Amino acid sequence: MKTKILGISACVLIAILDIIAVVLAMKAKEAQNHGEHMRMWILECKLRSHDAFVLGVAAAVLLSAAHILVNLLGLLAVTGRDESQKPSKKFSKVFFVSIWIIYVVGVTLLVIGTRSNEKKGISCGFTYHNFLPTGGILCVVHAFLSSAYYVIS
């Protein structure tokens, strides 16, 4: 009974961390769009936003914290069960690899979107408009896959 309550609490905590990361990524996108923009084809000059930088870093940190928590709890869940209670190893491996892929891609997108706002001033270059919200969406995918991984393992 205690392990079920602990498992449910862990899944809820991971989901909360990932959802907060999504909200921060979307707020970072809003802060990024408040500056002045001048666009010519794929090149763009814009005023960088320090708020977008801070929010993007916070989103990446929360996604990383949720990912660390998933791996630790998944390890504890797998080692804490005896052989008769262990589910199929194939499903666990598929979810484990999927979580890592989603994490790496999501954190990379959040970092790229955040780096475009790193320093103050005007920057000119390629547009990075959709990196922050796409990284945020991957945080939601990470939450679902993490919960499924924890339940399966």
C-alpha atoms as a PDB file:
ATOM      1  CA  MET A   1       0.000   0.000   0.000  1.00  0.00           C
ATOM      2  CA  LYS A   2       2.806   2.428   0.873  1.00  0.00           C
ATOM      3  CA  THR A   3       4.582   1.697  -2.392  1.00  0.00           C
ATOM      4  CA  LYS A   4       1.446   2.506  -4.381  1.00  0.00           C
ATOM      5  CA  ILE A   5       1.037   5.817  -2.597  1.00  0.00           C
ATOM      6  CA  LEU A   6       4.738   6.554  -3.097  1.00  0.00           C
ATOM      7  CA  GLY A   7       4.440   5.652  -6.784  1.00  0.00           C
ATOM      8  CA  ILE A   8       1.417   7.861  -7.329  1.00  0.00           C
ATOM      9  CA  SER A   9       3.107  10.712  -5.459  1.00  0.00           C
ATOM     10  CA  ALA A  10       6.234  10.313  -7.585  1.00  0.00           C
ATOM     11  CA  CYS A  11       4.244  10.378 -10.827  1.00  0.00           C
ATOM     12  CA  VAL A  12       2.360  13.476  -9.690  1.00  0.00           C
ATOM     13  CA  LEU A  13       5.597  15.220  -8.680  1.00  0.00           C
ATOM     14  CA  ILE A  14       7.210  14.443 -12.038  1.00  0.00           C
ATOM     15  CA  ALA A  15       4.112  15.669 -13.878  1.00  0.00           C
ATOM     16  CA  ILE A  16       4.068  18.888 -11.824  1.00  0.00           C
ATOM     17  CA  LEU A  17       7.746  19.572 -12.564  1.00  0.00           C
ATOM     18  CA  ASP A  18       7.201  18.992 -16.279  1.00  0.00           C
ATOM     19  CA  ILE A  19       4.034  21.110 -16.387  1.00  0.00           C
ATOM     20  CA  ILE A  20       5.779  23.986 -14.623  1.00  0.00           C
ATOM     21  CA  ALA A  21       8.581  23.654 -17.198  1.00  0.00           C
ATOM     22  CA  VAL A  22       5.981  23.938 -19.990  1.00  0.00           C
ATOM     23  CA  VAL A  23       4.477  27.070 -18.451  1.00  0.00           C
ATOM     24  CA  LEU A  24       7.923  28.636 -18.052  1.00  0.00           C
ATOM     25  CA  ALA A  25       8.832  27.809 -21.662  1.00  0.00           C
ATOM     26  CA  MET A  26       5.631  29.436 -22.912  1.00  0.00           C
ATOM     27  CA  LYS A  27       6.235  32.506 -20.727  1.00  0.00           C
ATOM     28  CA  ALA A  28       9.777  32.677 -22.135  1.00  0.00           C
ATOM     29  CA  LYS A  29       8.326  32.646 -25.646  1.00  0.00           C
ATOM     30  CA  GLU A  30       5.985  35.517 -24.712  1.00  0.00           C
ATOM     31  CA  ALA A  31       8.868  37.513 -23.218  1.00  0.00           C
ATOM     32  CA  GLN A  32      10.939  36.840 -26.328  1.00  0.00           C
ATOM     33  CA  ASN A  33       8.191  38.210 -28.568  1.00  0.00           C
ATOM     34  CA  HIS A  34       7.807  41.495 -26.650  1.00  0.00           C
ATOM     35  CA  GLY A  35      10.960  42.969 -28.162  1.00  0.00           C
ATOM     36  CA  GLU A  36      11.176  44.791 -31.463  1.00  0.00           C
ATOM     37  CA  HIS A  37      11.726  42.606 -34.526  1.00  0.00           C
ATOM     38  CA  MET A  38      12.888  43.317 -38.061  1.00  0.00           C
ATOM     39  CA  ARG A  39      12.731  40.307 -40.380  1.00  0.00           C
ATOM     40  CA  MET A  40      14.092  39.667 -43.864  1.00  0.00           C
ATOM     41  CA  TRP A  41      13.487  36.122 -45.189  1.00  0.00           C
ATOM     42  CA  ILE A  42      15.104  33.760 -42.654  1.00  0.00           C
ATOM     43  CA  LEU A  43      17.303  36.423 -41.034  1.00  0.00           C
ATOM     44  CA  GLU A  44      15.978  38.509 -38.192  1.00  0.00           C
ATOM     45  CA  CYS A  45      17.234  41.327 -35.988  1.00  0.00           C
ATOM     46  CA  LYS A  46      15.633  41.553 -32.569  1.00  0.00           C
ATOM     47  CA  LEU A  47      16.096  42.970 -29.124  1.00  0.00           C
ATOM     48  CA  ARG A  48      17.115  40.213 -26.713  1.00  0.00           C
ATOM     49  CA  SER A  49      15.054  39.561 -23.608  1.00  0.00           C
ATOM     50  CA  HIS A  50      16.680  38.807 -20.260  1.00  0.00           C
ATOM     51  CA  ASP A  51      13.330  37.587 -18.893  1.00  0.00           C
ATOM     52  CA  ALA A  52      13.106  35.023 -21.702  1.00  0.00           C
ATOM     53  CA  PHE A  53      16.633  33.882 -20.864  1.00  0.00           C
ATOM     54  CA  VAL A  54      15.853  33.388 -17.162  1.00  0.00           C
ATOM     55  CA  LEU A  55      12.558  31.603 -17.862  1.00  0.00           C
ATOM     56  CA  GLY A  56      14.179  29.342 -20.453  1.00  0.00           C
ATOM     57  CA  VAL A  57      16.958  28.352 -18.057  1.00  0.00           C
ATOM     58  CA  ALA A  58      14.392  27.616 -15.343  1.00  0.00           C
ATOM     59  CA  ALA A  59      12.388  25.421 -17.754  1.00  0.00           C
ATOM     60  CA  ALA A  60      15.506  23.454 -18.727  1.00  0.00           C
ATOM     61  CA  VAL A  61      16.480  22.996 -15.067  1.00  0.00           C
ATOM     62  CA  LEU A  62      12.999  21.732 -14.137  1.00  0.00           C
ATOM     63  CA  LEU A  63      12.966  19.296 -17.054  1.00  0.00           C
ATOM     64  CA  SER A  64      16.383  18.034 -15.937  1.00  0.00           C
ATOM     65  CA  ALA A  65      15.211  17.667 -12.332  1.00  0.00           C
ATOM     66  CA  ALA A  66      12.176  15.686 -13.462  1.00  0.00           C
ATOM     67  CA  HIS A  67      14.385  13.481 -15.616  1.00  0.00           C
ATOM     68  CA  ILE A  68      16.789  12.773 -12.751  1.00  0.00           C
ATOM     69  CA  LEU A  69      13.835  11.933 -10.515  1.00  0.00           C
ATOM     70  CA  VAL A  70      12.400   9.556 -13.136  1.00  0.00           C
ATOM     71  CA  ASN A  71      15.694   7.712 -13.469  1.00  0.00           C
ATOM     72  CA  LEU A  72      16.201   7.397  -9.720  1.00  0.00           C
ATOM     73  CA  LEU A  73      12.656   6.238  -9.049  1.00  0.00           C
ATOM     74  CA  GLY A  74      12.716   3.869 -12.009  1.00  0.00           C
ATOM     75  CA  LEU A  75      15.928   2.351 -10.702  1.00  0.00           C
ATOM     76  CA  LEU A  76      14.424   1.962  -7.239  1.00  0.00           C
ATOM     77  CA  ALA A  77      11.262   0.419  -8.666  1.00  0.00           C
ATOM     78  CA  VAL A  78      13.179  -2.116 -10.742  1.00  0.00           C
ATOM     79  CA  THR A  79      15.594  -3.152  -7.978  1.00  0.00           C
ATOM     80  CA  GLY A  80      12.922  -3.240  -5.276  1.00  0.00           C
ATOM     81  CA  ARG A  81      10.775  -5.950  -6.854  1.00  0.00           C
ATOM     82  CA  ASP A  82      11.329  -9.660  -6.844  1.00  0.00           C
ATOM     83  CA  GLU A  83      11.429 -11.711 -10.064  1.00  0.00           C
ATOM     84  CA  SER A  84       7.741 -12.705  -9.973  1.00  0.00           C
ATOM     85  CA  GLN A  85       6.588  -9.055  -9.938  1.00  0.00           C
ATOM     86  CA  LYS A  86       8.862  -7.735 -12.710  1.00  0.00           C
ATOM     87  CA  PRO A  87       7.085  -6.871 -15.943  1.00  0.00           C
ATOM     88  CA  SER A  88       8.383  -7.402 -19.443  1.00  0.00           C
ATOM     89  CA  LYS A  89      11.878  -5.988 -19.804  1.00  0.00           C
ATOM     90  CA  LYS A  90      11.169  -4.960 -23.404  1.00  0.00           C
ATOM     91  CA  PHE A  91       8.522  -2.431 -22.398  1.00  0.00           C
ATOM     92  CA  SER A  92      10.726  -0.990 -19.689  1.00  0.00           C
ATOM     93  CA  LYS A  93      13.629  -0.623 -22.098  1.00  0.00           C
ATOM     94  CA  VAL A  94      11.463   0.993 -24.776  1.00  0.00           C
ATOM     95  CA  PHE A  95      10.115   3.581 -22.337  1.00  0.00           C
ATOM     96  CA  PHE A  96      13.560   4.156 -20.831  1.00  0.00           C
ATOM     97  CA  VAL A  97      15.127   4.862 -24.231  1.00  0.00           C
ATOM     98  CA  SER A  98      12.125   6.985 -25.281  1.00  0.00           C
ATOM     99  CA  ILE A  99      12.410   9.104 -22.146  1.00  0.00           C
ATOM    100  CA  TRP A 100      16.102   9.708 -22.785  1.00  0.00           C
ATOM    101  CA  ILE A 101      15.482  10.688 -26.417  1.00  0.00           C
ATOM    102  CA  ILE A 102      12.664  13.073 -25.482  1.00  0.00           C
ATOM    103  CA  TYR A 103      14.793  14.557 -22.687  1.00  0.00           C
ATOM    104  CA  VAL A 104      17.825  15.163 -24.902  1.00  0.00           C
ATOM    105  CA  VAL A 105      15.789  16.718 -27.710  1.00  0.00           C
ATOM    106  CA  GLY A 106      13.658  18.796 -25.303  1.00  0.00           C
ATOM    107  CA  VAL A 107      16.582  20.167 -23.313  1.00  0.00           C
ATOM    108  CA  THR A 108      18.484  20.910 -26.525  1.00  0.00           C
ATOM    109  CA  LEU A 109      15.561  22.897 -27.912  1.00  0.00           C
ATOM    110  CA  LEU A 110      15.135  24.793 -24.639  1.00  0.00           C
ATOM    111  CA  VAL A 111      18.847  25.610 -24.521  1.00  0.00           C
ATOM    112  CA  ILE A 112      18.940  26.782 -28.150  1.00  0.00           C
ATOM    113  CA  GLY A 113      15.880  28.971 -27.582  1.00  0.00           C
ATOM    114  CA  THR A 114      17.370  30.292 -24.364  1.00  0.00           C
ATOM    115  CA  ARG A 115      20.797  31.001 -25.870  1.00  0.00           C
ATOM    116  CA  SER A 116      19.237  33.342 -28.406  1.00  0.00           C
ATOM    117  CA  ASN A 117      18.398  35.629 -25.448  1.00  0.00           C
ATOM    118  CA  GLU A 118      21.644  35.188 -23.530  1.00  0.00           C
ATOM    119  CA  LYS A 119      23.120  38.680 -23.722  1.00  0.00           C
ATOM    120  CA  LYS A 120      21.539  42.097 -23.737  1.00  0.00           C
ATOM    121  CA  GLY A 121      21.418  44.152 -26.900  1.00  0.00           C
ATOM    122  CA  ILE A 122      20.389  43.499 -30.460  1.00  0.00           C
ATOM    123  CA  SER A 123      21.098  40.223 -32.215  1.00  0.00           C
ATOM    124  CA  CYS A 124      20.859  39.461 -35.891  1.00  0.00           C
ATOM    125  CA  GLY A 125      20.820  35.967 -37.307  1.00  0.00           C
ATOM    126  CA  PHE A 126      18.602  32.994 -37.989  1.00  0.00           C
ATOM    127  CA  THR A 127      15.219  32.881 -36.319  1.00  0.00           C
ATOM    128  CA  TYR A 128      14.723  30.669 -33.273  1.00  0.00           C
ATOM    129  CA  HIS A 129      11.024  31.326 -32.758  1.00  0.00           C
ATOM    130  CA  ASN A 130       9.672  27.878 -32.105  1.00  0.00           C
ATOM    131  CA  PHE A 131      12.437  26.281 -30.069  1.00  0.00           C
ATOM    132  CA  LEU A 132      11.095  27.304 -26.646  1.00  0.00           C
ATOM    133  CA  PRO A 133       7.470  26.188 -27.188  1.00  0.00           C
ATOM    134  CA  THR A 134       8.544  22.974 -28.910  1.00  0.00           C
ATOM    135  CA  GLY A 135      10.852  22.185 -25.987  1.00  0.00           C
ATOM    136  CA  GLY A 136       7.910  22.904 -23.687  1.00  0.00           C
ATOM    137  CA  ILE A 137       5.682  20.496 -25.576  1.00  0.00           C
ATOM    138  CA  LEU A 138       8.351  17.823 -25.219  1.00  0.00           C
ATOM    139  CA  CYS A 139       8.189  18.408 -21.453  1.00  0.00           C
ATOM    140  CA  VAL A 140       4.558  17.218 -21.570  1.00  0.00           C
ATOM    141  CA  VAL A 141       5.566  14.164 -23.600  1.00  0.00           C
ATOM    142  CA  HIS A 142       8.309  13.538 -21.030  1.00  0.00           C
ATOM    143  CA  ALA A 143       5.730  13.631 -18.216  1.00  0.00           C
ATOM    144  CA  PHE A 144       3.465  11.064 -19.926  1.00  0.00           C
ATOM    145  CA  LEU A 145       6.298   8.709 -20.866  1.00  0.00           C
ATOM    146  CA  SER A 146       7.844   9.015 -17.399  1.00  0.00           C
ATOM    147  CA  SER A 147       4.600   8.092 -15.697  1.00  0.00           C
ATOM    148  CA  ALA A 148       4.153   5.132 -18.019  1.00  0.00           C
ATOM    149  CA  TYR A 149       7.757   4.040 -17.417  1.00  0.00           C
ATOM    150  CA  TYR A 150       7.347   4.204 -13.673  1.00  0.00           C
ATOM    151  CA  VAL A 151       4.072   2.241 -13.790  1.00  0.00           C
ATOM    152  CA  ILE A 152       5.540  -0.424 -16.070  1.00  0.00           C
ATOM    153  CA  SER A 153       8.798  -0.854 -14.179  1.00  0.00           C
END
